[in-house]
Amino acid sequence: MKHLSDIAEILSGILPPKGVGREAAYVQIKDLRDSDSEFLRGAAPKARRATRIAVRDLLVPSRGDQLAAFRPTPNMIGAFVGLDVYLVRPATRRVDPDFLFIALNDIAAVRQLKASATAGALPRIPKHALEDVVLPLPAIEEQRRIARLGILAADCERLQRQRLAAEAKLNAALISRLLRTAA
């Protein structure tokens, strides 16, 4: 078992600088669930801690009741994380990014984060609480096997949701057709 801070760098998001300029994109919490939304744009950050999102990174909202780690979508690569999003950059020599994604979304990790959330209308996860999350760390090959299974399980769930949505549309169309022909 390892603390997240032992196997990844955790960076806080930044507030987009004021002033003119729209050359930089900023990923906010709302963008994590709706990757088709238009990103906040602003001037390029001057803060030294400003880091562009890379393919291997994970994004974690710092507040809200829906705690989960997210993989960046292709349109997020190269953007900066906004103030209420943490960027988790895995140390790829120690942890597989896909495994880390699966582990951070596991019920045990989510429970740890929820237990450390501050009270309020929108619970907030302090950075140190994210850094202190304890995760299993098997050998890298085992991590890759677990990650592949986790990705397959997520794909299966996504396909099931798509199938259910398609069935609902089909059922509605059949009922609509029956109603039209009955008149």
N, C-alpha and C. Protein backbone atom coordinates (compact mmCIF):
# COMPACT_ATOMS: atom_id res chain seq x y z
N MET A 1 0.85 -1.17 0.00
CA MET A 1 0.00 0.00 0.00
C MET A 1 0.90 1.25 0.00
N LYS A 2 0.49 2.22 -0.79
CA LYS A 2 1.26 3.47 -0.90
C LYS A 2 0.31 4.66 -0.87
N HIS A 3 0.82 5.77 -0.39
CA HIS A 3 0.07 7.03 -0.47
C HIS A 3 0.15 7.51 -1.92
N LEU A 4 -0.90 8.16 -2.38
CA LEU A 4 -0.92 8.68 -3.75
C LEU A 4 0.29 9.57 -4.00
N SER A 5 0.68 10.36 -3.01
CA SER A 5 1.82 11.27 -3.20
C SER A 5 3.14 10.53 -3.40
N ASP A 6 3.20 9.22 -3.06
CA ASP A 6 4.41 8.43 -3.27
C ASP A 6 4.54 7.95 -4.72
N ILE A 7 3.42 7.95 -5.44
CA ILE A 7 3.42 7.37 -6.79
C ILE A 7 2.93 8.35 -7.87
N ALA A 8 2.62 9.58 -7.44
CA ALA A 8 2.15 10.58 -8.40
C ALA A 8 2.40 11.97 -7.85
N GLU A 9 2.50 12.90 -8.77
CA GLU A 9 2.59 14.31 -8.40
C GLU A 9 1.16 14.86 -8.44
N ILE A 10 0.76 15.59 -7.42
CA ILE A 10 -0.58 16.17 -7.36
C ILE A 10 -0.43 17.68 -7.41
N LEU A 11 -1.04 18.28 -8.43
CA LEU A 11 -0.93 19.72 -8.63
C LEU A 11 -2.31 20.36 -8.53
N SER A 12 -2.38 21.49 -7.86
CA SER A 12 -3.62 22.25 -7.77
C SER A 12 -3.83 23.01 -9.07
N GLY A 13 -5.09 23.21 -9.40
CA GLY A 13 -5.41 24.01 -10.57
C GLY A 13 -5.16 25.49 -10.29
N ILE A 14 -5.30 26.30 -11.33
CA ILE A 14 -5.02 27.72 -11.19
C ILE A 14 -6.21 28.55 -11.65
N LEU A 15 -6.28 29.74 -11.13
CA LEU A 15 -7.28 30.71 -11.55
C LEU A 15 -6.75 31.35 -12.82
N PRO A 16 -7.54 31.34 -13.90
CA PRO A 16 -7.05 31.96 -15.13
C PRO A 16 -6.70 33.43 -14.89
N PRO A 17 -5.57 33.88 -15.41
CA PRO A 17 -5.16 35.28 -15.20
C PRO A 17 -6.17 36.24 -15.82
N LYS A 18 -6.31 37.39 -15.20
CA LYS A 18 -7.19 38.42 -15.75
C LYS A 18 -6.47 39.12 -16.90
N GLY A 19 -7.24 39.79 -17.70
CA GLY A 19 -6.66 40.54 -18.81
C GLY A 19 -7.05 39.93 -20.13
N VAL A 20 -6.64 40.61 -21.15
CA VAL A 20 -6.97 40.13 -22.49
C VAL A 20 -6.15 38.90 -22.83
N GLY A 21 -6.63 38.19 -23.77
CA GLY A 21 -5.95 36.99 -24.20
C GLY A 21 -6.88 35.81 -24.07
N ARG A 22 -6.89 35.00 -25.08
CA ARG A 22 -7.73 33.82 -25.07
C ARG A 22 -6.94 32.63 -25.59
N GLU A 23 -5.62 32.73 -25.48
CA GLU A 23 -4.76 31.70 -26.06
C GLU A 23 -4.69 30.41 -25.25
N ALA A 24 -5.15 30.44 -24.00
CA ALA A 24 -5.06 29.25 -23.16
C ALA A 24 -6.45 28.75 -22.78
N ALA A 25 -6.60 27.43 -22.74
CA ALA A 25 -7.86 26.80 -22.33
C ALA A 25 -7.69 26.29 -20.91
N TYR A 26 -8.78 26.35 -20.14
CA TYR A 26 -8.79 25.92 -18.74
C TYR A 26 -9.93 24.93 -18.53
N VAL A 27 -9.60 23.75 -18.01
CA VAL A 27 -10.59 22.72 -17.74
C VAL A 27 -11.14 22.94 -16.34
N GLN A 28 -12.46 23.03 -16.26
CA GLN A 28 -13.15 23.22 -14.99
C GLN A 28 -13.91 21.95 -14.62
N ILE A 29 -14.48 21.92 -13.42
CA ILE A 29 -15.21 20.72 -12.97
C ILE A 29 -16.30 20.33 -13.96
N LYS A 30 -17.06 21.30 -14.45
CA LYS A 30 -18.16 20.98 -15.36
C LYS A 30 -17.68 20.27 -16.63
N ASP A 31 -16.46 20.54 -17.04
CA ASP A 31 -15.90 19.93 -18.25
C ASP A 31 -15.57 18.46 -18.05
N LEU A 32 -15.39 18.03 -16.80
CA LEU A 32 -15.03 16.64 -16.55
C LEU A 32 -16.18 15.70 -16.92
N ARG A 33 -17.40 16.13 -16.69
CA ARG A 33 -18.57 15.29 -17.01
C ARG A 33 -19.11 15.56 -18.41
N ASP A 34 -18.86 16.75 -18.94
CA ASP A 34 -19.35 17.11 -20.27
C ASP A 34 -18.18 17.56 -21.12
N SER A 35 -17.52 16.60 -21.72
CA SER A 35 -16.29 16.91 -22.46
C SER A 35 -16.57 17.69 -23.75
N ASP A 36 -17.84 17.82 -24.13
CA ASP A 36 -18.17 18.60 -25.32
C ASP A 36 -18.39 20.07 -25.00
N SER A 37 -18.35 20.43 -23.71
CA SER A 37 -18.57 21.82 -23.35
C SER A 37 -17.39 22.66 -23.82
N GLU A 38 -17.65 23.93 -23.98
CA GLU A 38 -16.58 24.83 -24.41
C GLU A 38 -15.77 25.24 -23.19
N PHE A 39 -14.47 25.09 -23.28
CA PHE A 39 -13.59 25.41 -22.17
C PHE A 39 -13.50 26.92 -21.94
N LEU A 40 -13.29 27.27 -20.69
CA LEU A 40 -13.00 28.65 -20.34
C LEU A 40 -11.67 29.00 -21.01
N ARG A 41 -11.61 30.17 -21.60
CA ARG A 41 -10.38 30.59 -22.27
C ARG A 41 -9.89 31.88 -21.61
N GLY A 42 -8.59 32.05 -21.60
CA GLY A 42 -8.01 33.24 -21.01
C GLY A 42 -6.55 33.36 -21.40
N ALA A 43 -5.92 34.31 -20.78
CA ALA A 43 -4.50 34.53 -21.03
C ALA A 43 -3.70 33.32 -20.52
N ALA A 44 -2.56 33.09 -21.12
CA ALA A 44 -1.69 32.01 -20.66
C ALA A 44 -1.25 32.30 -19.23
N PRO A 45 -1.21 31.30 -18.37
CA PRO A 45 -0.85 31.54 -16.97
C PRO A 45 0.63 31.89 -16.82
N LYS A 46 0.88 32.69 -15.81
CA LYS A 46 2.27 33.06 -15.50
C LYS A 46 2.78 32.31 -14.28
N ALA A 47 1.87 31.66 -13.56
CA ALA A 47 2.26 30.92 -12.35
C ALA A 47 3.20 29.78 -12.71
N ARG A 48 4.24 29.60 -11.90
CA ARG A 48 5.21 28.53 -12.17
C ARG A 48 4.59 27.15 -12.06
N ARG A 49 3.57 27.01 -11.21
CA ARG A 49 2.97 25.69 -11.01
C ARG A 49 1.97 25.33 -12.12
N ALA A 50 1.72 26.26 -13.04
CA ALA A 50 0.79 25.97 -14.14
C ALA A 50 1.38 24.87 -15.01
N THR A 51 0.61 23.82 -15.18
CA THR A 51 1.08 22.65 -15.93
C THR A 51 0.02 22.25 -16.95
N ARG A 52 0.44 22.00 -18.15
CA ARG A 52 -0.50 21.57 -19.19
C ARG A 52 -0.88 20.10 -18.96
N ILE A 53 -2.11 19.78 -19.25
CA ILE A 53 -2.62 18.41 -19.11
C ILE A 53 -1.97 17.53 -20.17
N ALA A 54 -1.47 16.37 -19.73
CA ALA A 54 -0.86 15.39 -20.63
C ALA A 54 -1.75 14.14 -20.70
N VAL A 55 -1.53 13.32 -21.68
CA VAL A 55 -2.35 12.12 -21.92
C VAL A 55 -2.38 11.21 -20.70
N ARG A 56 -1.28 11.05 -20.02
CA ARG A 56 -1.21 10.09 -18.91
C ARG A 56 -1.80 10.62 -17.60
N ASP A 57 -2.14 11.90 -17.57
CA ASP A 57 -2.63 12.53 -16.35
C ASP A 57 -4.05 12.07 -15.99
N LEU A 58 -4.40 12.30 -14.73
CA LEU A 58 -5.77 12.12 -14.25
C LEU A 58 -6.23 13.46 -13.70
N LEU A 59 -7.53 13.68 -13.76
CA LEU A 59 -8.11 14.91 -13.25
C LEU A 59 -9.11 14.55 -12.16
N VAL A 60 -9.01 15.24 -11.03
CA VAL A 60 -9.88 14.97 -9.88
C VAL A 60 -10.53 16.28 -9.44
N PRO A 61 -11.86 16.32 -9.38
CA PRO A 61 -12.50 17.55 -8.88
C PRO A 61 -12.16 17.75 -7.41
N SER A 62 -11.97 19.00 -7.03
CA SER A 62 -11.62 19.28 -5.63
C SER A 62 -12.84 19.53 -4.78
N ARG A 63 -14.01 19.62 -5.40
CA ARG A 63 -15.22 19.85 -4.62
C ARG A 63 -16.41 19.19 -5.32
N GLY A 64 -17.48 19.04 -4.54
CA GLY A 64 -18.69 18.44 -5.07
C GLY A 64 -18.96 17.09 -4.43
N ASP A 65 -20.12 16.56 -4.70
CA ASP A 65 -20.49 15.28 -4.08
C ASP A 65 -20.21 14.09 -4.99
N GLN A 66 -19.79 14.34 -6.20
CA GLN A 66 -19.45 13.27 -7.14
C GLN A 66 -17.93 13.16 -7.23
N LEU A 67 -17.35 12.36 -6.34
CA LEU A 67 -15.90 12.21 -6.33
C LEU A 67 -15.50 11.10 -7.28
N ALA A 68 -14.64 11.41 -8.19
CA ALA A 68 -14.13 10.42 -9.13
C ALA A 68 -12.90 10.99 -9.81
N ALA A 69 -12.08 10.10 -10.31
CA ALA A 69 -10.95 10.51 -11.13
C ALA A 69 -11.40 10.41 -12.59
N PHE A 70 -10.92 11.30 -13.42
CA PHE A 70 -11.28 11.34 -14.82
C PHE A 70 -10.02 11.28 -15.67
N ARG A 71 -10.12 10.60 -16.80
CA ARG A 71 -9.05 10.64 -17.80
C ARG A 71 -9.33 11.85 -18.68
N PRO A 72 -8.31 12.58 -19.08
CA PRO A 72 -8.56 13.72 -19.97
C PRO A 72 -8.99 13.23 -21.35
N THR A 73 -9.95 13.91 -21.92
CA THR A 73 -10.37 13.62 -23.28
C THR A 73 -9.36 14.26 -24.23
N PRO A 74 -9.31 13.85 -25.49
CA PRO A 74 -8.30 14.41 -26.41
C PRO A 74 -8.32 15.94 -26.48
N ASN A 75 -9.51 16.56 -26.39
CA ASN A 75 -9.55 18.02 -26.49
C ASN A 75 -9.04 18.71 -25.23
N MET A 76 -8.80 17.97 -24.15
CA MET A 76 -8.26 18.55 -22.91
C MET A 76 -6.73 18.58 -22.89
N ILE A 77 -6.12 17.76 -23.73
CA ILE A 77 -4.66 17.67 -23.74
C ILE A 77 -4.07 19.02 -24.15
N GLY A 78 -3.18 19.53 -23.33
CA GLY A 78 -2.54 20.82 -23.59
C GLY A 78 -3.21 21.98 -22.87
N ALA A 79 -4.42 21.75 -22.33
CA ALA A 79 -5.11 22.79 -21.56
C ALA A 79 -4.54 22.81 -20.14
N PHE A 80 -4.92 23.79 -19.38
CA PHE A 80 -4.55 23.90 -17.97
C PHE A 80 -5.75 23.52 -17.11
N VAL A 81 -5.49 23.04 -15.89
CA VAL A 81 -6.60 22.74 -14.99
C VAL A 81 -6.99 24.02 -14.26
N GLY A 82 -8.30 24.21 -14.15
CA GLY A 82 -8.83 25.37 -13.44
C GLY A 82 -8.68 25.19 -11.94
N LEU A 83 -9.09 26.19 -11.21
CA LEU A 83 -8.89 26.27 -9.77
C LEU A 83 -9.45 25.09 -8.99
N ASP A 84 -10.58 24.54 -9.39
CA ASP A 84 -11.23 23.49 -8.61
C ASP A 84 -10.99 22.08 -9.15
N VAL A 85 -9.89 21.90 -9.84
CA VAL A 85 -9.52 20.59 -10.37
C VAL A 85 -8.07 20.30 -9.99
N TYR A 86 -7.83 19.08 -9.51
CA TYR A 86 -6.45 18.65 -9.24
C TYR A 86 -5.95 17.87 -10.45
N LEU A 87 -4.69 18.06 -10.79
CA LEU A 87 -4.03 17.28 -11.83
C LEU A 87 -3.16 16.25 -11.13
N VAL A 88 -3.38 14.99 -11.44
CA VAL A 88 -2.60 13.90 -10.86
C VAL A 88 -1.72 13.34 -11.97
N ARG A 89 -0.42 13.48 -11.81
CA ARG A 89 0.54 13.02 -12.82
C ARG A 89 1.25 11.79 -12.27
N PRO A 90 0.90 10.60 -12.79
CA PRO A 90 1.50 9.36 -12.29
C PRO A 90 3.01 9.28 -12.56
N ALA A 91 3.73 8.73 -11.62
CA ALA A 91 5.15 8.41 -11.81
C ALA A 91 5.17 7.09 -12.57
N THR A 92 5.23 7.14 -13.88
CA THR A 92 5.00 5.96 -14.73
C THR A 92 6.02 4.84 -14.51
N ARG A 93 7.12 5.11 -13.87
CA ARG A 93 8.06 4.02 -13.55
C ARG A 93 7.56 3.18 -12.38
N ARG A 94 6.63 3.75 -11.60
CA ARG A 94 6.12 3.06 -10.40
C ARG A 94 4.67 2.62 -10.55
N VAL A 95 3.89 3.36 -11.36
CA VAL A 95 2.46 3.06 -11.45
C VAL A 95 1.96 3.26 -12.88
N ASP A 96 1.16 2.31 -13.32
CA ASP A 96 0.53 2.40 -14.63
C ASP A 96 -0.62 3.41 -14.55
N PRO A 97 -0.69 4.39 -15.45
CA PRO A 97 -1.76 5.40 -15.38
C PRO A 97 -3.17 4.80 -15.42
N ASP A 98 -3.37 3.76 -16.21
CA ASP A 98 -4.70 3.12 -16.26
C ASP A 98 -5.03 2.43 -14.95
N PHE A 99 -4.03 1.80 -14.34
CA PHE A 99 -4.24 1.18 -13.03
C PHE A 99 -4.58 2.25 -12.00
N LEU A 100 -3.86 3.35 -12.03
CA LEU A 100 -4.11 4.43 -11.07
C LEU A 100 -5.53 4.96 -11.24
N PHE A 101 -5.98 5.08 -12.47
CA PHE A 101 -7.35 5.51 -12.74
C PHE A 101 -8.35 4.55 -12.09
N ILE A 102 -8.14 3.25 -12.28
CA ILE A 102 -9.03 2.24 -11.70
C ILE A 102 -8.96 2.30 -10.17
N ALA A 103 -7.76 2.40 -9.62
CA ALA A 103 -7.60 2.40 -8.16
C ALA A 103 -8.21 3.64 -7.51
N LEU A 104 -8.06 4.81 -8.15
CA LEU A 104 -8.63 6.03 -7.58
C LEU A 104 -10.15 6.04 -7.64
N ASN A 105 -10.72 5.29 -8.56
CA ASN A 105 -12.17 5.21 -8.66
C ASN A 105 -12.76 4.04 -7.88
N ASP A 106 -11.90 3.27 -7.24
CA ASP A 106 -12.37 2.16 -6.42
C ASP A 106 -13.08 2.69 -5.19
N ILE A 107 -14.03 1.93 -4.71
CA ILE A 107 -14.85 2.36 -3.58
C ILE A 107 -14.01 2.69 -2.35
N ALA A 108 -12.91 1.98 -2.13
CA ALA A 108 -12.06 2.24 -0.96
C ALA A 108 -11.43 3.63 -1.05
N ALA A 109 -10.93 4.00 -2.22
CA ALA A 109 -10.32 5.33 -2.40
C ALA A 109 -11.38 6.42 -2.28
N VAL A 110 -12.54 6.19 -2.87
CA VAL A 110 -13.61 7.18 -2.80
C VAL A 110 -14.06 7.39 -1.35
N ARG A 111 -14.13 6.30 -0.59
CA ARG A 111 -14.49 6.42 0.84
C ARG A 111 -13.47 7.27 1.59
N GLN A 112 -12.18 7.06 1.30
CA GLN A 112 -11.13 7.84 1.95
C GLN A 112 -11.32 9.33 1.65
N LEU A 113 -11.60 9.65 0.39
CA LEU A 113 -11.77 11.05 0.00
C LEU A 113 -13.02 11.65 0.64
N LYS A 114 -14.11 10.89 0.64
CA LYS A 114 -15.35 11.41 1.25
C LYS A 114 -15.16 11.65 2.75
N ALA A 115 -14.41 10.79 3.40
CA ALA A 115 -14.17 10.95 4.84
C ALA A 115 -13.36 12.20 5.15
N SER A 116 -12.56 12.65 4.19
CA SER A 116 -11.72 13.82 4.43
C SER A 116 -12.33 15.11 3.90
N ALA A 117 -13.49 15.02 3.26
CA ALA A 117 -14.12 16.21 2.68
C ALA A 117 -14.55 17.17 3.78
N THR A 118 -14.36 18.45 3.52
CA THR A 118 -14.80 19.47 4.47
C THR A 118 -16.31 19.62 4.35
N ALA A 119 -16.94 20.01 5.43
CA ALA A 119 -18.39 20.19 5.44
C ALA A 119 -18.77 21.43 4.65
N GLY A 120 -20.01 21.45 4.21
CA GLY A 120 -20.51 22.62 3.48
C GLY A 120 -21.46 22.19 2.40
N ALA A 121 -22.04 23.16 1.72
CA ALA A 121 -22.98 22.87 0.65
C ALA A 121 -22.32 22.03 -0.44
N LEU A 122 -21.09 22.37 -0.77
CA LEU A 122 -20.31 21.59 -1.73
C LEU A 122 -19.06 21.11 -1.00
N PRO A 123 -19.03 19.85 -0.57
CA PRO A 123 -17.85 19.35 0.15
C PRO A 123 -16.57 19.57 -0.67
N ARG A 124 -15.51 19.92 0.00
CA ARG A 124 -14.22 20.18 -0.65
C ARG A 124 -13.20 19.17 -0.17
N ILE A 125 -12.40 18.68 -1.10
CA ILE A 125 -11.32 17.75 -0.78
C ILE A 125 -10.02 18.55 -0.71
N PRO A 126 -9.42 18.65 0.47
CA PRO A 126 -8.14 19.34 0.56
C PRO A 126 -7.06 18.56 -0.20
N LYS A 127 -6.09 19.28 -0.73
CA LYS A 127 -5.02 18.64 -1.50
C LYS A 127 -4.30 17.58 -0.68
N HIS A 128 -4.04 17.87 0.60
CA HIS A 128 -3.32 16.90 1.43
C HIS A 128 -4.13 15.60 1.59
N ALA A 129 -5.46 15.70 1.56
CA ALA A 129 -6.29 14.49 1.66
C ALA A 129 -6.13 13.62 0.42
N LEU A 130 -6.05 14.26 -0.74
CA LEU A 130 -5.82 13.50 -1.98
C LEU A 130 -4.43 12.88 -1.96
N GLU A 131 -3.46 13.63 -1.50
CA GLU A 131 -2.09 13.11 -1.42
C GLU A 131 -2.00 11.91 -0.47
N ASP A 132 -2.83 11.91 0.58
CA ASP A 132 -2.77 10.87 1.60
C ASP A 132 -3.62 9.63 1.30
N VAL A 133 -4.34 9.62 0.19
CA VAL A 133 -5.13 8.44 -0.15
C VAL A 133 -4.19 7.25 -0.26
N VAL A 134 -4.57 6.15 0.39
CA VAL A 134 -3.75 4.93 0.39
C VAL A 134 -4.30 3.98 -0.67
N LEU A 135 -3.41 3.53 -1.54
CA LEU A 135 -3.78 2.66 -2.66
C LEU A 135 -2.89 1.43 -2.69
N PRO A 136 -3.43 0.32 -3.19
CA PRO A 136 -2.57 -0.86 -3.37
C PRO A 136 -1.58 -0.59 -4.51
N LEU A 137 -0.43 -1.21 -4.44
CA LEU A 137 0.56 -1.05 -5.51
C LEU A 137 1.24 -2.39 -5.81
N PRO A 138 0.53 -3.23 -6.58
CA PRO A 138 1.17 -4.49 -6.98
C PRO A 138 2.28 -4.24 -8.01
N ALA A 139 2.94 -5.29 -8.41
CA ALA A 139 3.98 -5.19 -9.44
C ALA A 139 3.37 -4.60 -10.71
N ILE A 140 4.20 -3.95 -11.52
CA ILE A 140 3.71 -3.21 -12.70
C ILE A 140 2.94 -4.11 -13.67
N GLU A 141 3.38 -5.35 -13.86
CA GLU A 141 2.65 -6.26 -14.77
C GLU A 141 1.26 -6.58 -14.22
N GLU A 142 1.16 -6.76 -12.92
CA GLU A 142 -0.14 -6.99 -12.29
C GLU A 142 -1.02 -5.74 -12.41
N GLN A 143 -0.41 -4.58 -12.27
CA GLN A 143 -1.15 -3.33 -12.46
C GLN A 143 -1.75 -3.28 -13.86
N ARG A 144 -0.96 -3.65 -14.84
CA ARG A 144 -1.44 -3.61 -16.24
C ARG A 144 -2.58 -4.60 -16.46
N ARG A 145 -2.49 -5.78 -15.86
CA ARG A 145 -3.58 -6.77 -15.98
C ARG A 145 -4.86 -6.23 -15.34
N ILE A 146 -4.73 -5.67 -14.16
CA ILE A 146 -5.90 -5.12 -13.46
C ILE A 146 -6.49 -3.97 -14.28
N ALA A 147 -5.63 -3.12 -14.82
CA ALA A 147 -6.09 -1.98 -15.62
C ALA A 147 -6.86 -2.46 -16.85
N ARG A 148 -6.34 -3.48 -17.53
CA ARG A 148 -7.04 -4.00 -18.73
C ARG A 148 -8.42 -4.51 -18.36
N LEU A 149 -8.52 -5.24 -17.25
CA LEU A 149 -9.82 -5.74 -16.80
C LEU A 149 -10.75 -4.59 -16.42
N GLY A 150 -10.22 -3.59 -15.75
CA GLY A 150 -11.03 -2.43 -15.38
C GLY A 150 -11.54 -1.67 -16.59
N ILE A 151 -10.70 -1.53 -17.59
CA ILE A 151 -11.11 -0.84 -18.82
C ILE A 151 -12.18 -1.65 -19.55
N LEU A 152 -12.01 -2.97 -19.60
CA LEU A 152 -13.03 -3.82 -20.23
C LEU A 152 -14.36 -3.73 -19.48
N ALA A 153 -14.31 -3.71 -18.16
CA ALA A 153 -15.53 -3.59 -17.36
C ALA A 153 -16.22 -2.25 -17.63
N ALA A 154 -15.44 -1.17 -17.71
CA ALA A 154 -16.01 0.15 -17.99
C ALA A 154 -16.61 0.19 -19.40
N ASP A 155 -15.92 -0.44 -20.36
CA ASP A 155 -16.47 -0.50 -21.73
C ASP A 155 -17.78 -1.27 -21.75
N CYS A 156 -17.85 -2.35 -21.00
CA CYS A 156 -19.06 -3.16 -20.92
C CYS A 156 -20.21 -2.32 -20.34
N GLU A 157 -19.95 -1.58 -19.28
CA GLU A 157 -20.97 -0.72 -18.67
C GLU A 157 -21.44 0.35 -19.66
N ARG A 158 -20.50 0.95 -20.38
CA ARG A 158 -20.85 1.98 -21.37
C ARG A 158 -21.73 1.40 -22.46
N LEU A 159 -21.36 0.22 -22.96
CA LEU A 159 -22.15 -0.43 -24.01
C LEU A 159 -23.54 -0.82 -23.50
N GLN A 160 -23.63 -1.25 -22.26
CA GLN A 160 -24.94 -1.58 -21.68
C GLN A 160 -25.82 -0.34 -21.60
N ARG A 161 -25.24 0.79 -21.20
CA ARG A 161 -26.02 2.04 -21.15
C ARG A 161 -26.50 2.44 -22.54
N GLN A 162 -25.61 2.30 -23.54
CA GLN A 162 -26.00 2.62 -24.92
C GLN A 162 -27.11 1.69 -25.40
N ARG A 163 -27.02 0.40 -25.07
CA ARG A 163 -28.05 -0.55 -25.47
C ARG A 163 -29.38 -0.22 -24.83
N LEU A 164 -29.36 0.10 -23.54
CA LEU A 164 -30.60 0.47 -22.85
C LEU A 164 -31.22 1.72 -23.44
N ALA A 165 -30.40 2.71 -23.78
CA ALA A 165 -30.91 3.93 -24.39
C ALA A 165 -31.52 3.63 -25.76
N ALA A 166 -30.86 2.76 -26.54
CA ALA A 166 -31.39 2.39 -27.85
C ALA A 166 -32.70 1.62 -27.72
N GLU A 167 -32.79 0.73 -26.73
CA GLU A 167 -34.03 -0.01 -26.49
C GLU A 167 -35.16 0.93 -26.09
N ALA A 168 -34.86 1.92 -25.27
CA ALA A 168 -35.88 2.88 -24.86
C ALA A 168 -36.40 3.66 -26.06
N LYS A 169 -35.49 4.08 -26.95
CA LYS A 169 -35.91 4.78 -28.18
C LYS A 169 -36.77 3.88 -29.05
N LEU A 170 -36.35 2.64 -29.19
CA LEU A 170 -37.10 1.69 -30.01
C LEU A 170 -38.49 1.46 -29.42
N ASN A 171 -38.57 1.27 -28.11
CA ASN A 171 -39.87 1.06 -27.47
C ASN A 171 -40.77 2.28 -27.65
N ALA A 172 -40.22 3.47 -27.50
CA ALA A 172 -41.02 4.69 -27.69
C ALA A 172 -41.51 4.80 -29.13
N ALA A 173 -40.66 4.46 -30.08
CA ALA A 173 -41.06 4.51 -31.49
C ALA A 173 -42.16 3.48 -31.77
N LEU A 174 -42.04 2.29 -31.20
CA LEU A 174 -43.08 1.26 -31.41
C LEU A 174 -44.42 1.69 -30.82
N ILE A 175 -44.39 2.23 -29.62
CA ILE A 175 -45.63 2.71 -28.98
C ILE A 175 -46.23 3.84 -29.81
N SER A 176 -45.40 4.76 -30.25
CA SER A 176 -45.87 5.88 -31.06
C SER A 176 -46.52 5.37 -32.35
N ARG A 177 -45.88 4.40 -32.97
CA ARG A 177 -46.44 3.83 -34.21
C ARG A 177 -47.76 3.13 -33.94
N LEU A 178 -47.82 2.37 -32.84
CA LEU A 178 -49.08 1.69 -32.49
C LEU A 178 -50.20 2.70 -32.26
N LEU A 179 -49.89 3.79 -31.59
CA LEU A 179 -50.88 4.82 -31.33
C LEU A 179 -51.36 5.49 -32.62
N ARG A 180 -50.43 5.75 -33.55
CA ARG A 180 -50.82 6.35 -34.83
C ARG A 180 -51.68 5.42 -35.66
N THR A 181 -51.36 4.12 -35.68
CA THR A 181 -52.14 3.16 -36.50
C THR A 181 -53.46 2.82 -35.84
N ALA A 182 -53.59 3.03 -34.54
CA ALA A 182 -54.84 2.71 -33.85
C ALA A 182 -55.89 3.81 -34.08
N ALA A 183 -55.46 4.97 -34.46
CA ALA A 183 -56.40 6.09 -34.63
C ALA A 183 -57.19 6.05 -35.90
